Each structure stands twice: as structure tokens, then as C-alpha cells.
Amino acid sequence: NSWGASPPYNYYDSDCGDIDSFIYENNDALVLFAAGNDGDNEGDATISSPGVIKNGLTVGAAETSTSPDTVAYFSSRGPTPDLRLKPDVVGPGDPVNSADASGSAGLATCGATSKSGTSMATPAVAGIAALLREYLLEGNHAKYSAQGAEGSSYKGADPSSALLKALIIGSTLPLAKGYSSTDDTNPVTLSSFYAGSNAVSDSQAFPLGTGGQVDYHQGFGHVRTSNVFPLDGSFDTYLFEEALPASSTWEAEFTVQAKVTEVDVTLVWNDPPGATYCMYDFEEGSTASSCLVHDLDLVVLNGGTRVYANFGAALNGMYARQEDTVNTVEKVTIPIESLVVGSQIVVQVKTKSLSYASTQKFAVVVTGNLGGHPLPTSQPSLAPTAADTVSVSVSMQMSASQPPTESDKSNVKTSIANAVGVAESSVMGFSLTYSSSSRRHVRRKLLAYQWTAAFEIRVVLASTSFGSASGLATSVNTALTSDAFTTSIGNTVGAVVDTSSLLVFVQTRHPPLSPTA
């Protein structure tokens, strides 16, 4: 899309809410918007509605010939009124050569033309998104990253828009230069422009510090698809599509196998529509009306030390070493020099707050020279041992006429353990929350409450008959959708199980092993 309001109309208006709502409700729809071409006239905060949406992908323009490491002088810039990062990425846009119609009716001739603008960059990135989707649909993930594909968990036949957006943003390479609004001839170094020490007036309101990897000129940087899908096998790509209830954590663990490429971790989720005209309150110094509805946090530990996402990666400044509380995209980059072969990298996603729904879907993309789960064939041993464990995280919903009691929680947990055939001690982190639901009647019984059960089933692999993590997941799915289980829940706690709501996600755990030479 290359349409929108003219600056300074950069508010999150009803158009933004409608588009975000559409994407939230249609999880496979990725919508792209051009950032606009007003960066040279107005400077910061020149991306207008609907380019300030949360769930879509807003694209700025980069130079392609005179200075390829530079954001185009005209490309509109962020932030949004609530200080979210926009544009998301930049693509080739100054100039782009393309076919040109003759311009005369009846003449079947065409030539070539050269044009510049974010309206040129956006179709290029949209084409990349389509190719990435095709790449997954055709099974190329396993072809070029066998280890990554084996350790992934996503719908290859129907990838979500959040996963595609995470792939695009995960591929980005930050550009070094851009322009101020007062000089469209001589580029400036962006790391200095946003450091807070530059005299250029349109950078002073947003001192992002030094050492960061994102800014309001380019977002996360220039799209480079070779950074997420290697055709030469130089690194692996792990893809995850998951969902979490409130106050929960999803985790994946990796071992650094080599120091050939950096490690990138990208989290994306489609957020419910925000409040109209949400914005940062500069007088109070807070997001008095944040556009963010569901807040997830990306936690990445490199050898036990946390690496912060987005602006938090800066060495100093107003956001240094802070969690992001406004964006629906969080990316962590660990440079090669910070990696230690054999060390562990832990990736966690935590639900900080959910207010619109009881669960939130999200996508994570991890790239690098990493060993995930299961262990790669180059490791000393793949045979299960007594120390190996497998686990699945599970969430499911039920309808009931009353909130759950402590007795209900105990009975549901017992029913789950019995159905799957594991000890109750294997059902870990069990929670049973509730919310008011749309009223419906089942057999003349008013069911006004929705219960959400969330838990992890963890077992020692060698002491069970499941055989593998996927075997455990299959058994859990079969057991918790069976008539015997739904009948048991109905008899013990009076709730009706919604079998279609069952979500089962695989996570295999192994003792850390040192990679072979």
C-alpha cells in the first residue's frame, strides 16, 4: 500500500485500528505500507496514518546507487506518537528501475523508467515476503537448514504473518548513514545523529544513546533475506509459532557451535487494536495512552548474561538496558565477538500483560551457528539417556457456570495427568485462570465463565514409552481431546472442554554437550 494521510497527521486513528484489527483476526495476513516521502521536509515523526499501525510492516527507502549504505534523504521517519519504532525496515527505493508503459492508448509498447520513493521500496519488500512464504510452503527450510528445521515448531503449510514479519525483520542489516531534515546532500552518521551530542535539531528530542542497532530513520535496517535463510548452509534458522496465557514463559535453549555469524533473535506478535489517538505524554514523561495492548518481553541470555532488545541494546542513553514496553517487535543481536563456542544461549518470551484476550500468539526467529533441539548429528551422542528430558507446553480452554475453585484446579490437574498417563508431579507450572465469556447455554446450563488451563508436562525420556518429544505431544493431543477426558472434566468440575482450543508446543531438553571439532 502506498496511500495515507499527509504529515503532520501521524496519529493512530480509526484506520490504524481497523487494519490492526483485521491482521489480529486474520493471522495469515501481512499488510505493508510505504512510510512516505517527507523526511527531508519535516524530519522526525513524519510517518502518517496508516503507516503507524502496529501489526503491519512499514517500509522506508534506502539508496541503491550513489551510497548503498544510506537511508534515502526523503524517506519519512519515526517515531510514532507513542514512541514506537517506525519504519520497521527499509528496502531499495532511490532509485528503482522498472518497466514503463508507453502512456498512449492503443500502443502495445513499453520501455523502462527510473523512479524513487518509499512506494518503490514497499513493493520490493512485499515481493520478498511472498518469496519467503513460498520458501516455507515448498519445504526449503529443511533443505537448506536441516538442523534448524528439525528444531523448529511452526505451521509450514500456513505460516502466520507474524512469522513472515519476524523473518523480514530478522534479516535486516543496519545502515550507517542517513540525512537530517536540513541537509539532503551530505549524509550524517546515524550513530552520532541519535547519540544526543549532535547539534542537528531534529535528533535532540530522541537521544537513543550509542551502541544501539535501531533508529527512527531505518527501523531495524535494510532487508537482506540471505541473513535468515542460508543457501550455503553457513548457519541455521529456527522458527517458532507459539501462544502463551498470562504470566507465563516460553523458553528455548541453544548451544553456540561456531563463531561464523552473529546470533539474531526476533520476536513478533499481532496485537489487538489500540486506543484511538494513543500517544506519549511528554509533560508527564510516560505513555499515558499506550497503543500497545498485550505486552510480551523477549529475554535472551548469552552465557547467563542478558542482552536487551531494540533501544535497550544501547550502551547509554534514556533506554539503555531497559525492556521494551511499546513495540510489538523485539530483536536481539549478539555480535560474533560476544559469542563463546560451547556456551548456552537461552531465549525466553514472557507475557507481561494481557487484557484483550486470555492468550497471545507470537512468532520467534533465531539464526546463527547454533545447536538447538534435537542435538545435531555432529554431537558426540544422540542416544537418549536417563538425563534427557522432553517437555510440551499446553494451554486449553473450558466453559463453566462459575469461576474455578482450588478444588477445581486440583481436579483438573489430576484429570490431565490421568488422561496422559503421567504422574501429577510431571504436570508442572499448572495454572487455571478465568474470565467472563460470552454467555451461552449447554443443556440448559448457563456457561458465563471461560477457564484457561496452562501447564507444562515434563518427563524423563528414557523412563517413558513416548519415545520422543513429538511422541509426547501426540499423546497429549490425543488424550486431552478424547471423550473420556471431556467426560471426566464434566463429571468432576462441571466444565465443558473446548477441544478446538488445545495448543500443544514441543520443547526438548538435553544435557549440554560440547560440540566436536
Protein backbone atom coordinates (compact mmCIF):
# COMPACT_ATOMS: atom_id res chain seq x y z
CA ASN A 1 0.00 0.00 0.00
CA SER A 2 1.24 3.46 -0.93
CA TRP A 3 -1.51 5.67 0.45
CA GLY A 4 -2.11 7.62 3.62
CA ALA A 5 -2.65 10.98 5.23
CA SER A 6 -0.23 13.87 4.75
CA PRO A 7 2.09 14.98 7.57
CA PRO A 8 1.78 16.09 10.28
CA TYR A 9 -1.21 13.73 10.60
CA ASN A 10 0.75 10.88 12.18
CA TYR A 11 -1.88 9.80 14.73
CA TYR A 12 -3.04 6.26 15.44
CA ASP A 13 -6.57 6.84 14.11
CA SER A 14 -9.54 4.62 13.33
CA ASP A 15 -7.95 3.48 10.05
CA CYS A 16 -4.97 2.16 12.01
CA GLY A 17 -7.27 0.42 14.47
CA ASP A 18 -9.27 -1.19 11.66
CA ILE A 19 -6.15 -2.52 9.93
CA ASP A 20 -4.61 -3.81 13.14
CA SER A 21 -7.91 -5.48 14.00
CA PHE A 22 -8.02 -7.17 10.58
CA ILE A 23 -4.49 -8.52 10.94
CA TYR A 24 -5.14 -9.64 14.53
CA GLU A 25 -8.24 -11.56 13.44
CA ASN A 26 -6.66 -12.90 10.22
CA ASN A 27 -3.37 -14.29 11.44
CA ASP A 28 -2.03 -15.10 7.96
CA ALA A 29 -2.45 -11.57 6.52
CA LEU A 30 0.68 -9.42 6.29
CA VAL A 31 -0.13 -5.84 5.26
CA LEU A 32 2.64 -3.48 4.13
CA PHE A 33 2.58 0.32 3.94
CA ALA A 34 5.02 2.81 2.46
CA ALA A 35 6.49 5.11 5.13
CA GLY A 36 6.10 8.24 2.98
CA ASN A 37 8.49 10.75 1.43
CA ASP A 38 8.57 13.67 3.88
CA GLY A 39 11.75 13.02 5.84
CA ASP A 40 13.60 15.83 4.06
CA ASN A 41 10.92 18.41 4.79
CA GLU A 42 9.82 17.76 8.35
CA GLY A 43 12.40 15.38 9.85
CA ASP A 44 11.26 13.18 12.73
CA ALA A 45 7.71 11.86 13.20
CA THR A 46 6.72 12.20 9.53
CA ILE A 47 5.13 8.77 9.02
CA SER A 48 1.38 9.32 8.79
CA SER A 49 -1.67 7.13 9.24
CA PRO A 50 -1.96 4.26 8.43
CA GLY A 51 1.82 3.81 8.33
CA VAL A 52 1.89 3.98 12.15
CA ILE A 53 -0.04 0.71 12.54
CA LYS A 54 1.34 -1.93 14.93
CA ASN A 55 0.74 -5.22 13.14
CA GLY A 56 1.67 -4.35 9.58
CA LEU A 57 5.11 -3.71 8.10
CA THR A 58 6.03 -0.08 7.37
CA VAL A 59 8.79 0.30 4.78
CA GLY A 60 11.21 3.17 4.26
CA ALA A 61 13.61 3.67 1.35
CA ALA A 62 17.37 3.20 1.02
CA GLU A 63 19.70 4.49 -1.66
CA THR A 64 20.68 1.95 -4.29
CA SER A 65 23.46 3.54 -6.32
CA THR A 66 25.22 6.64 -5.01
CA SER A 67 25.57 5.46 -1.40
CA PRO A 68 24.13 1.96 -0.81
CA ASP A 69 24.71 2.09 2.96
CA THR A 70 22.47 5.16 3.34
CA VAL A 71 18.79 5.75 4.09
CA ALA A 72 17.26 7.88 1.32
CA TYR A 73 17.05 11.58 2.16
CA PHE A 74 13.28 11.75 1.56
CA SER A 75 12.30 8.61 3.49
CA SER A 76 9.82 9.52 6.26
CA ARG A 77 10.93 8.81 9.78
CA GLY A 78 9.55 7.83 13.16
CA PRO A 79 8.75 7.75 15.94
CA THR A 80 5.01 7.27 16.21
CA PRO A 81 3.12 9.48 18.71
CA ASP A 82 3.52 6.77 21.38
CA LEU A 83 7.26 6.44 20.58
CA ARG A 84 7.08 3.13 18.74
CA LEU A 85 9.82 2.31 16.25
CA LYS A 86 8.87 3.14 12.65
CA PRO A 87 9.60 2.45 9.87
CA ASP A 88 10.10 -1.25 10.54
CA VAL A 89 12.61 -1.76 7.73
CA VAL A 90 13.96 -0.09 4.61
CA GLY A 91 14.22 -1.51 1.10
CA PRO A 92 15.73 -0.40 -2.21
CA GLY A 93 13.97 2.81 -3.25
CA ASP A 94 16.34 5.50 -4.55
CA PRO A 95 16.21 4.84 -7.44
CA VAL A 96 14.48 1.71 -8.76
CA ASN A 97 14.43 0.82 -12.45
CA SER A 98 11.22 -0.74 -13.70
CA ALA A 99 9.00 -1.25 -16.71
CA ASP A 100 7.25 1.80 -18.11
CA ALA A 101 4.06 1.84 -20.18
CA SER A 102 4.03 3.93 -23.36
CA GLY A 103 1.44 6.27 -21.91
CA SER A 104 -0.61 6.28 -25.09
CA ALA A 105 -3.81 4.31 -25.54
CA GLY A 106 -3.61 1.52 -28.09
CA LEU A 107 0.17 1.31 -28.19
CA ALA A 108 1.46 -2.10 -27.07
CA THR A 109 4.92 -0.80 -26.39
CA CYS A 110 6.81 -0.17 -23.21
CA GLY A 111 10.19 0.96 -22.04
CA ALA A 112 11.98 1.36 -18.77
CA THR A 113 11.89 4.12 -16.24
CA SER A 114 13.66 5.08 -13.04
CA LYS A 115 11.71 6.28 -10.00
CA SER A 116 12.45 6.96 -6.34
CA GLY A 117 10.25 6.76 -3.27
CA THR A 118 9.07 4.53 -0.46
CA SER A 119 6.37 3.47 -2.93
CA MET A 120 9.17 1.77 -4.85
CA ALA A 121 10.71 0.16 -1.76
CA THR A 122 7.46 -1.26 -0.40
CA PRO A 123 6.58 -3.49 -3.40
CA ALA A 124 10.12 -4.87 -3.32
CA VAL A 125 9.75 -5.89 0.34
CA ALA A 126 6.24 -7.24 -0.34
CA GLY A 127 7.74 -9.43 -3.05
CA ILE A 128 10.34 -10.65 -0.57
CA ALA A 129 7.57 -11.57 1.87
CA ALA A 130 5.82 -13.59 -0.84
CA LEU A 131 9.05 -15.40 -1.71
CA LEU A 132 9.73 -16.20 1.95
CA ARG A 133 6.25 -17.66 2.28
CA GLU A 134 6.79 -19.75 -0.86
CA TYR A 135 10.17 -20.85 0.51
CA LEU A 136 8.44 -22.29 3.57
CA LEU A 137 5.50 -23.81 1.68
CA GLU A 138 7.83 -25.70 -0.66
CA GLY A 139 9.77 -27.24 2.23
CA ASN A 140 13.03 -25.43 1.55
CA HIS A 141 13.65 -24.77 5.23
CA ALA A 142 14.63 -28.40 5.78
CA LYS A 143 16.62 -28.43 2.53
CA TYR A 144 18.94 -25.56 3.45
CA SER A 145 18.81 -25.70 7.27
CA ALA A 146 18.09 -29.30 8.23
CA GLN A 147 19.18 -28.85 11.85
CA GLY A 148 17.14 -25.66 12.20
CA ALA A 149 14.03 -27.19 10.64
CA GLU A 150 14.23 -30.22 12.92
CA GLY A 151 14.40 -27.99 15.97
CA SER A 152 11.57 -25.68 14.85
CA SER A 153 7.86 -25.64 15.64
CA TYR A 154 5.61 -23.79 13.19
CA LYS A 155 2.94 -24.31 10.54
CA GLY A 156 4.97 -24.78 7.39
CA ALA A 157 1.84 -25.14 5.27
CA ASP A 158 0.27 -21.94 6.61
CA PRO A 159 2.86 -19.60 8.16
CA SER A 160 1.50 -16.68 10.15
CA SER A 161 2.04 -13.05 9.20
CA ALA A 162 3.92 -12.62 12.48
CA LEU A 163 6.40 -15.30 11.37
CA LEU A 164 6.91 -13.67 7.96
CA LYS A 165 7.36 -10.27 9.61
CA ALA A 166 9.87 -11.78 12.05
CA LEU A 167 11.79 -13.32 9.13
CA ILE A 168 11.95 -9.98 7.32
CA ILE A 169 13.00 -8.01 10.39
CA GLY A 170 15.35 -10.80 11.46
CA SER A 171 17.14 -10.45 8.14
CA THR A 172 17.91 -6.76 8.45
CA LEU A 173 21.32 -5.11 8.32
CA PRO A 174 21.52 -1.63 9.91
CA LEU A 175 22.67 1.10 7.55
CA ALA A 176 25.37 3.51 8.67
CA LYS A 177 24.14 6.79 7.21
CA GLY A 178 21.10 8.98 6.66
CA TYR A 179 20.18 12.64 6.30
CA SER A 180 18.93 15.41 8.54
CA SER A 181 15.92 17.47 7.54
CA THR A 182 18.15 20.49 6.97
CA ASP A 183 20.61 18.94 4.53
CA ASP A 184 19.60 16.44 1.86
CA THR A 185 23.02 16.46 0.20
CA ASN A 186 25.52 15.47 2.86
CA PRO A 187 24.67 12.31 4.81
CA VAL A 188 25.32 12.03 8.53
CA THR A 189 26.43 9.03 10.55
CA LEU A 190 23.27 7.79 12.25
CA SER A 191 25.03 6.51 15.35
CA SER A 192 26.19 10.07 16.02
CA PHE A 193 22.92 11.63 14.91
CA TYR A 194 20.98 9.83 17.64
CA ALA A 195 23.70 9.87 20.30
CA GLY A 196 22.36 13.04 21.91
CA SER A 197 25.52 15.04 21.23
CA ASN A 198 24.77 16.08 17.65
CA ALA A 199 23.74 19.66 17.04
CA VAL A 200 21.11 18.75 14.44
CA SER A 201 17.84 19.96 15.94
CA ASP A 202 15.60 17.14 14.73
CA SER A 203 17.60 14.49 16.61
CA GLN A 204 17.59 16.11 20.04
CA ALA A 205 14.12 15.03 21.13
CA PHE A 206 15.09 11.37 20.83
CA PRO A 207 18.61 10.72 22.18
CA LEU A 208 18.88 6.96 21.71
CA GLY A 209 22.44 6.65 23.01
CA THR A 210 25.39 4.92 21.35
CA GLY A 211 25.94 1.29 20.50
CA GLY A 212 22.31 0.59 19.60
CA GLN A 213 21.21 -1.11 16.40
CA VAL A 214 17.86 0.55 15.68
CA ASP A 215 16.80 4.13 14.99
CA TYR A 216 13.91 6.18 13.62
CA HIS A 217 15.46 6.60 10.16
CA GLN A 218 15.50 2.94 9.22
CA GLY A 219 13.86 0.93 11.99
CA PHE A 220 15.76 -2.35 12.16
CA GLY A 221 17.64 -1.78 8.90
CA HIS A 222 17.83 -2.93 5.29
CA VAL A 223 16.18 -6.24 4.36
CA ARG A 224 18.70 -8.96 3.41
CA THR A 225 17.00 -12.34 3.03
CA SER A 226 20.31 -14.22 2.90
CA ASN A 227 20.62 -13.33 6.60
CA VAL A 228 17.70 -15.58 7.57
CA PHE A 229 17.80 -18.40 5.01
CA PRO A 230 21.29 -19.59 4.08
CA LEU A 231 21.63 -21.18 0.67
CA ASP A 232 25.21 -22.18 1.51
CA GLY A 233 24.50 -23.85 4.86
CA SER A 234 26.69 -21.36 6.75
CA PHE A 235 24.23 -21.10 9.68
CA ASP A 236 20.88 -22.47 10.85
CA THR A 237 17.45 -20.90 11.18
CA TYR A 238 14.97 -21.89 13.91
CA LEU A 239 11.31 -20.88 13.55
CA PHE A 240 8.65 -20.98 16.25
CA GLU A 241 4.94 -20.16 16.31
CA GLU A 242 3.64 -20.30 19.85
CA ALA A 243 0.96 -18.94 22.20
CA LEU A 244 1.02 -18.06 25.88
CA PRO A 245 -1.55 -17.29 28.57
CA ALA A 246 -0.98 -14.53 31.12
CA SER A 247 2.00 -14.68 33.49
CA SER A 248 3.69 -17.46 31.52
CA THR A 249 7.07 -18.11 29.91
CA TRP A 250 8.11 -19.93 26.74
CA GLU A 251 11.75 -20.99 26.51
CA ALA A 252 14.21 -22.48 24.02
CA GLU A 253 17.87 -23.29 24.62
CA PHE A 254 20.76 -23.36 22.14
CA THR A 255 24.47 -24.15 22.16
CA VAL A 256 26.95 -21.94 20.27
CA GLN A 257 28.70 -24.24 17.79
CA ALA A 258 30.90 -21.77 15.91
CA LYS A 259 31.65 -18.07 15.52
CA VAL A 260 30.96 -17.61 11.81
CA THR A 261 27.87 -15.41 12.01
CA GLU A 262 26.19 -13.26 14.65
CA VAL A 263 23.15 -14.58 16.51
CA ASP A 264 19.84 -12.81 15.88
CA VAL A 265 16.62 -13.42 17.82
CA THR A 266 13.41 -11.72 16.65
CA LEU A 267 10.03 -11.76 18.41
CA VAL A 268 6.82 -10.54 16.68
CA TRP A 269 3.19 -10.66 17.70
CA ASN A 270 -0.05 -9.32 16.23
CA ASP A 271 -1.51 -7.09 18.92
CA PRO A 272 -5.20 -6.29 19.46
CA PRO A 273 -6.19 -2.83 18.11
CA GLY A 274 -5.06 0.07 20.25
CA ALA A 275 -6.94 3.09 21.58
CA THR A 276 -7.55 5.82 19.02
CA TYR A 277 -5.05 8.70 19.28
CA CYS A 278 -2.87 6.85 21.79
CA MET A 279 0.33 8.82 22.39
CA TYR A 280 3.21 9.61 24.72
CA ASP A 281 2.60 12.28 27.34
CA PHE A 282 5.69 14.48 27.17
CA GLU A 283 4.60 16.58 30.14
CA GLU A 284 4.18 13.55 32.38
CA GLY A 285 7.02 11.62 30.77
CA SER A 286 5.01 8.46 30.26
CA THR A 287 2.88 6.59 27.74
CA ALA A 288 -0.36 7.88 29.26
CA SER A 289 -2.31 6.17 26.50
CA SER A 290 -0.13 3.43 25.04
CA CYS A 291 -1.08 1.89 21.71
CA LEU A 292 0.24 -1.46 22.99
CA VAL A 293 -2.47 -3.74 24.38
CA HIS A 294 -0.65 -7.04 25.02
CA ASP A 295 2.92 -6.67 26.27
CA LEU A 296 5.36 -9.54 25.69
CA ASP A 297 9.02 -9.43 26.68
CA LEU A 298 11.94 -11.05 24.86
CA VAL A 299 14.64 -12.24 27.25
CA VAL A 300 17.90 -13.51 25.73
CA LEU A 301 20.72 -14.80 27.93
CA ASN A 302 24.17 -15.19 26.39
CA GLY A 303 26.17 -17.37 28.75
CA GLY A 304 23.91 -16.23 31.59
CA THR A 305 24.17 -12.50 30.79
CA ARG A 306 21.07 -10.75 29.50
CA VAL A 307 21.22 -9.00 26.12
CA TYR A 308 18.49 -6.38 25.72
CA ALA A 309 16.28 -5.83 22.67
CA ASN A 310 15.73 -2.78 20.48
CA PHE A 311 16.77 0.52 22.10
CA GLY A 312 17.77 -1.37 25.25
CA ALA A 313 20.88 -2.62 23.43
CA ALA A 314 22.40 0.89 23.57
CA LEU A 315 25.42 1.37 25.81
CA ASN A 316 24.00 4.60 27.23
CA GLY A 317 21.07 6.97 26.79
CA MET A 318 17.50 7.01 28.00
CA TYR A 319 16.71 3.39 27.02
CA ALA A 320 19.99 1.58 27.79
CA ARG A 321 19.49 -1.88 29.31
CA GLN A 322 15.74 -1.42 29.59
CA GLU A 323 12.90 -3.66 28.46
CA ASP A 324 10.79 -2.50 25.53
CA THR A 325 7.25 -1.59 26.62
CA VAL A 326 5.80 -0.06 23.44
CA ASN A 327 6.69 -2.17 20.37
CA THR A 328 5.22 -5.41 19.01
CA VAL A 329 8.62 -6.35 17.60
CA GLU A 330 11.69 -7.06 19.71
CA LYS A 331 15.04 -8.05 18.24
CA VAL A 332 18.29 -9.02 19.94
CA THR A 333 21.60 -9.22 18.10
CA ILE A 334 24.64 -10.89 19.65
CA PRO A 335 27.77 -9.96 17.65
CA ILE A 336 30.38 -12.57 16.80
CA GLU A 337 32.89 -11.15 19.27
CA SER A 338 30.44 -11.70 22.16
CA LEU A 339 29.93 -15.40 21.40
CA VAL A 340 31.76 -18.25 23.13
CA VAL A 341 31.79 -21.67 21.45
CA GLY A 342 30.10 -24.22 23.67
CA SER A 343 28.21 -21.68 25.76
CA GLN A 344 24.43 -21.65 26.15
CA ILE A 345 22.02 -19.11 24.70
CA VAL A 346 18.60 -19.12 26.33
CA VAL A 347 15.64 -17.48 24.59
CA GLN A 348 12.52 -16.69 26.60
CA VAL A 349 9.23 -14.98 25.79
CA LYS A 350 7.24 -13.76 28.78
CA THR A 351 3.70 -12.43 28.93
CA LYS A 352 3.93 -9.21 30.89
CA SER A 353 0.29 -8.18 30.49
CA LEU A 354 -2.76 -9.45 28.58
CA SER A 355 -6.03 -7.50 28.73
CA TYR A 356 -7.91 -8.19 25.49
CA ALA A 357 -7.73 -12.00 25.36
CA SER A 358 -6.59 -14.83 27.62
CA THR A 359 -3.73 -15.89 25.31
CA GLN A 360 -1.40 -14.23 22.81
CA LYS A 361 0.10 -15.84 19.73
CA PHE A 362 3.64 -14.91 18.70
CA ALA A 363 6.47 -15.90 16.39
CA VAL A 364 10.20 -16.20 17.09
CA VAL A 365 13.03 -16.46 14.55
CA VAL A 366 16.53 -17.45 15.73
CA THR A 367 19.54 -17.51 13.39
CA GLY A 368 23.20 -18.35 13.93
CA ASN A 369 25.70 -21.17 14.30
CA LEU A 370 23.59 -22.82 16.96
CA GLY A 371 22.67 -26.31 18.05
CA GLY A 372 19.10 -26.49 19.23
CA HIS A 373 16.79 -29.40 19.90
CA PRO A 374 17.23 -32.17 18.98
CA LEU A 375 21.02 -32.20 19.05
CA PRO A 376 22.77 -32.11 15.65
CA THR A 377 24.38 -35.23 14.21
CA SER A 378 27.85 -33.75 14.81
CA GLN A 379 27.35 -34.06 18.56
CA PRO A 380 29.00 -36.95 20.48
CA SER A 381 25.75 -38.81 21.08
CA LEU A 382 22.13 -38.70 20.01
CA ALA A 383 21.03 -41.69 22.04
CA PRO A 384 18.52 -40.89 24.80
CA THR A 385 19.94 -41.11 28.28
CA ALA A 386 18.35 -41.01 31.72
CA ALA A 387 19.39 -37.33 31.92
CA ASP A 388 17.45 -36.39 28.77
CA THR A 389 14.02 -34.93 29.31
CA VAL A 390 11.26 -33.93 26.93
CA SER A 391 8.50 -31.48 27.60
CA VAL A 392 5.47 -29.93 25.99
CA SER A 393 3.75 -26.69 26.96
CA VAL A 394 -0.03 -26.85 26.81
CA SER A 395 -2.94 -24.43 27.02
CA MET A 396 -6.63 -25.20 26.68
CA GLN A 397 -9.97 -23.57 27.43
CA MET A 398 -13.18 -24.67 29.12
CA SER A 399 -16.55 -23.06 29.77
CA ALA A 400 -18.23 -23.18 33.16
CA SER A 401 -21.04 -21.58 35.14
CA GLN A 402 -18.73 -20.34 37.90
CA PRO A 403 -15.08 -19.34 38.50
CA PRO A 404 -12.78 -22.27 39.34
CA THR A 405 -12.20 -23.12 42.99
CA GLU A 406 -8.99 -24.52 44.45
CA SER A 407 -10.66 -27.92 44.43
CA ASP A 408 -11.50 -27.48 40.72
CA LYS A 409 -7.86 -26.67 39.97
CA SER A 410 -6.69 -29.81 41.75
CA ASN A 411 -9.29 -31.98 40.00
CA VAL A 412 -8.45 -30.63 36.55
CA LYS A 413 -4.73 -31.23 37.10
CA THR A 414 -5.43 -34.78 38.28
CA SER A 415 -7.67 -35.46 35.27
CA ILE A 416 -4.95 -34.22 32.91
CA ALA A 417 -2.28 -36.42 34.49
CA ASN A 418 -4.56 -39.46 34.40
CA ALA A 419 -5.57 -38.88 30.79
CA VAL A 420 -1.98 -38.52 29.54
CA GLY A 421 -0.71 -41.33 31.76
CA VAL A 422 1.91 -39.43 33.75
CA ALA A 423 2.42 -38.66 37.41
CA GLU A 424 0.88 -35.45 38.72
CA SER A 425 4.39 -34.23 39.52
CA SER A 426 5.06 -34.22 35.76
CA VAL A 427 2.32 -31.61 35.24
CA MET A 428 4.38 -28.53 36.11
CA GLY A 429 3.60 -24.84 36.44
CA PHE A 430 -0.13 -25.55 36.39
CA SER A 431 -2.47 -22.55 36.40
CA LEU A 432 -6.23 -22.28 35.91
CA THR A 433 -7.40 -18.73 35.29
CA TYR A 434 -10.80 -17.45 34.25
CA SER A 435 -12.55 -14.55 32.58
CA SER A 436 -16.12 -13.60 31.79
CA SER A 437 -17.14 -15.06 28.45
CA SER A 438 -19.97 -14.54 26.03
CA ARG A 439 -22.97 -16.20 27.60
CA ARG A 440 -24.06 -19.50 26.13
CA HIS A 441 -26.20 -22.39 27.26
CA VAL A 442 -25.26 -26.06 27.13
CA ARG A 443 -28.04 -28.46 28.11
CA ARG A 444 -29.91 -25.58 29.78
CA LYS A 445 -26.84 -24.65 31.82
CA LEU A 446 -25.60 -21.04 31.60
CA LEU A 447 -21.84 -21.02 30.99
CA ALA A 448 -20.70 -17.46 31.71
CA TYR A 449 -17.02 -18.09 32.54
CA GLN A 450 -14.09 -19.14 30.38
CA TRP A 451 -11.38 -21.13 32.14
CA THR A 452 -7.87 -21.27 30.70
CA ALA A 453 -5.56 -24.04 31.83
CA ALA A 454 -1.83 -23.60 31.15
CA PHE A 455 0.90 -26.04 32.15
CA GLU A 456 3.96 -28.00 31.10
CA ILE A 457 4.25 -31.77 31.00
CA ARG A 458 7.87 -32.80 31.51
CA VAL A 459 9.09 -36.40 31.63
CA VAL A 460 12.39 -38.25 31.59
CA LEU A 461 12.65 -39.67 28.10
CA ALA A 462 14.32 -42.97 28.97
CA SER A 463 11.70 -43.86 31.60
CA THR A 464 8.62 -43.45 29.38
CA SER A 465 7.12 -45.08 26.32
CA PHE A 466 6.60 -41.82 24.43
CA GLY A 467 9.87 -42.27 22.53
CA SER A 468 10.40 -38.60 21.67
CA ALA A 469 9.12 -35.09 22.30
CA SER A 470 6.84 -35.34 19.29
CA GLY A 471 5.55 -38.66 20.64
CA LEU A 472 4.68 -36.99 23.92
CA ALA A 473 2.95 -34.14 22.07
CA THR A 474 0.87 -36.60 20.04
CA SER A 475 -0.16 -38.48 23.17
CA VAL A 476 -1.13 -35.26 24.95
CA ASN A 477 -3.18 -34.06 22.00
CA THR A 478 -4.98 -37.41 21.71
CA ALA A 479 -5.63 -37.70 25.45
CA LEU A 480 -6.94 -34.17 26.02
CA THR A 481 -9.35 -34.24 23.10
CA SER A 482 -10.76 -37.67 23.94
CA ASP A 483 -14.33 -38.32 25.06
CA ALA A 484 -13.01 -39.93 28.24
CA PHE A 485 -11.18 -36.73 29.25
CA THR A 486 -14.02 -34.34 28.41
CA THR A 487 -16.44 -36.59 30.29
CA SER A 488 -14.10 -36.67 33.30
CA ILE A 489 -13.89 -32.87 33.38
CA GLY A 490 -17.65 -32.58 33.08
CA ASN A 491 -18.24 -35.02 35.92
CA THR A 492 -15.62 -33.66 38.33
CA VAL A 493 -15.80 -29.86 37.87
CA GLY A 494 -18.87 -29.29 35.69
CA ALA A 495 -16.93 -27.60 32.87
CA VAL A 496 -17.21 -28.11 29.10
CA VAL A 497 -13.85 -28.59 27.37
CA ASP A 498 -13.29 -26.68 24.12
CA THR A 499 -11.16 -29.27 22.32
CA SER A 500 -10.55 -26.88 19.40
CA SER A 501 -8.68 -24.51 21.75
CA LEU A 502 -5.99 -27.05 22.67
CA LEU A 503 -2.46 -25.81 21.94
CA VAL A 504 0.50 -28.18 22.37
CA PHE A 505 4.06 -26.98 21.78
CA VAL A 506 7.14 -29.19 21.84
CA GLN A 507 10.30 -28.37 23.75
CA THR A 508 13.06 -30.95 24.11
CA ARG A 509 15.69 -30.59 26.82
CA HIS A 510 19.13 -32.21 26.69
CA PRO A 511 22.15 -32.02 28.97
CA PRO A 512 24.64 -29.55 27.39
CA LEU A 513 27.32 -31.22 25.30
CA SER A 514 30.46 -29.68 23.83
CA PRO A 515 30.46 -29.62 20.02
CA THR A 516 33.00 -31.77 18.23
CA ALA A 517 35.81 -30.18 16.29
